[in-house]
């Protein structure tokens, strides 16, 4: 089963919740945008889509349920930076 969370739909970025990694097969790669994420319930891992539209395990992912050792506040807001090709200060 796949659930799409439309909380933050910026430039096509989507946040999915899937039961297992096998559910990635249900998601069309041509509709995935870099930065989209998927949380895998069975493993507790989070994957992110790279520039080649591949799912990559997000660093620090997969901690046990309820483990808040990294101090995650539970606030799932994201900063979006759009690079327009100009000078980076």
Protein backbone atom coordinates (compact mmCIF):
# COMPACT_ATOMS: atom_id res chain seq x y z
CA UNK A 1 0.00 0.00 0.00
CA UNK A 2 1.18 3.51 -0.80
CA UNK A 3 0.03 6.71 0.88
CA UNK A 4 0.89 10.14 -0.51
CA UNK A 5 1.18 12.98 1.96
CA UNK A 6 0.37 16.24 0.21
CA UNK A 7 1.47 18.44 3.12
CA UNK A 8 4.36 19.95 1.20
CA UNK A 9 3.95 19.72 -2.54
CA UNK A 10 6.60 22.15 -3.75
CA UNK A 11 7.78 21.73 -7.36
CA UNK A 12 6.39 18.20 -7.54
CA UNK A 13 8.13 16.94 -4.41
CA UNK A 14 5.97 14.34 -2.69
CA UNK A 15 6.20 12.45 0.59
CA UNK A 16 5.12 8.80 0.50
CA UNK A 17 4.46 6.21 3.19
CA UNK A 18 4.84 2.59 2.04
CA UNK A 19 4.44 -0.73 3.85
CA UNK A 20 7.61 -2.33 2.43
CA UNK A 21 10.42 -1.49 0.00
CA UNK A 22 8.63 -3.67 -2.57
CA UNK A 23 5.97 -0.96 -2.76
CA UNK A 24 8.48 1.30 -4.55
CA UNK A 25 7.60 -0.72 -7.68
CA UNK A 26 4.10 0.81 -7.51
CA UNK A 27 5.48 4.35 -7.92
CA UNK A 28 6.10 5.52 -11.48
CA UNK A 29 9.70 6.75 -11.74
CA UNK A 30 8.85 9.29 -14.44
CA UNK A 31 6.59 11.09 -11.94
CA UNK A 32 9.18 11.21 -9.13
CA UNK A 33 10.98 14.46 -8.44
CA UNK A 34 14.34 14.92 -6.78
CA UNK A 35 13.83 15.43 -3.05
CA UNK A 36 10.67 13.34 -2.78
CA UNK A 37 10.78 11.00 0.22
CA UNK A 38 9.30 7.68 1.26
CA UNK A 39 9.01 6.28 4.78
CA UNK A 40 9.03 2.45 4.88
CA UNK A 41 6.85 1.28 7.77
CA UNK A 42 8.30 -2.24 8.00
CA UNK A 43 11.89 -1.03 8.50
CA UNK A 44 11.53 2.52 9.81
CA UNK A 45 13.84 3.71 7.02
CA UNK A 46 13.40 6.88 4.98
CA UNK A 47 14.45 7.05 1.33
CA UNK A 48 14.93 10.14 -0.83
CA UNK A 49 14.86 10.49 -4.63
CA UNK A 50 18.16 11.61 -6.15
CA UNK A 51 18.75 13.51 -9.40
CA UNK A 52 18.60 10.26 -11.43
CA UNK A 53 15.17 9.41 -9.97
CA UNK A 54 16.58 6.58 -7.86
CA UNK A 55 15.53 5.89 -4.27
CA UNK A 56 18.51 6.34 -1.92
CA UNK A 57 18.55 5.53 1.80
CA UNK A 58 18.57 8.79 3.71
CA UNK A 59 21.52 9.12 6.07
CA UNK A 60 20.65 8.47 9.71
CA UNK A 61 17.46 6.65 8.72
CA UNK A 62 16.12 3.51 10.32
CA UNK A 63 16.18 4.27 14.04
CA UNK A 64 13.82 2.20 16.15
CA UNK A 65 10.27 3.42 16.66
CA UNK A 66 10.01 6.01 19.37
CA UNK A 67 13.77 6.62 19.45
CA UNK A 68 14.19 10.38 19.63
CA UNK A 69 17.91 10.32 20.34
CA UNK A 70 18.69 12.84 17.61
CA UNK A 71 16.32 15.37 19.14
CA UNK A 72 13.77 15.37 16.33
CA UNK A 73 11.01 17.72 17.39
CA UNK A 74 8.45 15.96 15.18
CA UNK A 75 8.00 19.12 13.14
CA UNK A 76 8.05 18.03 9.49
CA UNK A 77 8.45 21.46 7.92
CA UNK A 78 11.12 21.79 5.27
CA UNK A 79 13.09 24.73 3.96
CA UNK A 80 13.10 24.97 0.18
CA UNK A 81 16.00 26.58 -1.62
CA UNK A 82 15.63 27.29 -5.31
CA UNK A 83 18.88 27.91 -7.19
CA UNK A 84 18.33 30.12 -10.24
CA UNK A 85 21.91 29.99 -11.54
CA UNK A 86 22.95 33.30 -9.97
CA UNK A 87 25.69 33.99 -7.48
CA UNK A 88 25.56 32.06 -4.20
CA UNK A 89 26.34 34.26 -1.23
